[in-house]
Amino acid sequence: MKRGARLFVLLSLVALSACSNYAESKGEDSPQTETEISESTHDEQYGKTINISKSSYAYSEEGVYELRSLHPNSVNIVYTDFEKAQTLVLCGQPNCTHDSASCVSYIPIENGNLEPTIMCNNESLIIVKEGAGPTESPYVAVADLNGSERHTISTYKSNQFLRGDFLANSRYLYFIIQEVDENGVVSTSLETVDLQQESREELLELPNKDKMYALMGAYDSSLFLLEMSTSNPGGERTIYEIDPDNPSLNNVLLRYNAENEYILIENPYLYIMREKGNTVTRIELRKFDDNEKTNTEKQETITYPFDKNAYKALLEPSSDGNAFIYEYYQDGAFRKTYLDIEAGETHEITLISEYSQEPMPILATHKNCFFVLYNRIETPLETSERNSSGVTFENQYALIPINSYIHGEQDFKFVSDDV
């Protein structure tokens, strides 16, 4: 795989703080070659490129950020500290009521404008308004991890839409942007925002006829862009490998049919789920080439008996390099199974969330524990206080050892919610 001026490594959101432990367990602290030293210099300069938009939570190595509706026509940034097992409003002012712009956690939402999205690249908070509201255009803003120094660094026209997934390292933010002109004609491009220089640049104009795009991830010196047909999104798809320093659609990583294969990229692997073949294959990206499907030395495959009664199955990589399978049923239920690809074993997840009566969702990984949503209490807001959702949430979080989660052992350390 081609190496450029910057090193990009995709990290799973649920693996942000566990990757260093995983690397140590794999013996990756061995003496470096000259090439490896050069790459680490780039890595230290720009940080690791991560997908920062997989959920409504923003993750750092020490904790989780989220937006909560605590007051009318606004949201507040709330922070959960992993080590302290405590959730607080992100504000250090004594006796602050958190209901005005004098509070660093406070974000007003007025005149029916949409709620922004909060993300984190381990260096700063990134707040994005993806589409226009009645009185507000899309924007990208940044803030320190403690919420201070929040300011807008890039603004967009009301006819422009910022589309996830969003990828970021300490210097650059990457995303898809669409613009609709007065005749309804849509143009699409790959865009970057320099978070330090506070500037923006169109990297690549994308062909728009019967095409739609999504950023799949990043690894080494490349971004991976998925292209699919708007008229047949479940058919043929193409994954392009793009060098941000010389962007083009000339380098095809893989072409596949979505009816037969489900593809994910997660550091340092490419995963292929073949539901009809009852297999999940993991390929190390360092070894990936056009002969992947015939060179068995470059892949590991586990057999999994997909339930034919499920109408849909999805794959989610785990922070240890293995994976979870989700199988969805017409009655709204789903089954979650852990695939230990290395051992060739499967374990159905039996820990059930109290609020949904479904397998407990993993929000992040901290050291050898999963950070999970144990319970959620939803309270309707008064009519005059309604935000876009019309409800306020009281979440009960917990930390649980990874092995306990996989084997159904209720070994929870509950987080104190002091918001």
Foldseek 3Di string as FASTA:
>chain_A
DDFDPAFEAEADQQQQQAQVVLCVVVPVPPDDDPVVVSHVVRCVVWPYKYQFPPDLWADANFWIWHWFQPFFQKTFIWIAGPVQLAIDTLFDDPPDPQDDPVTLGIDGHPPQQAAWGWYDQNAWIWTWRFAGDPPGGTFIWIAGPSSPPIDTLDTDDRQKGWADRWMGTNFKIWTKMWGQDPVRDIWIFIKMAGPVVSHIDTQGTDDDQQKDKYFQGDGRQWTWMKIAGPVCRQAKIWIATARSVRGDRPHTQDIDGNVAWDWHCHPQWIWIDGQVQQKIKIFGNVPRDPCVVPDPVRIFMAGHNDDPQFPDKDWAADNSRWIWIWGHHPVGAIWIKTQPRVVNDIFTFDQAAPAPRHRWDFSHDHHQKTKTFRYKDWAADDPSRAHPVRITIDTKIWIDGPVCRRHVNPPTDTRHYPD
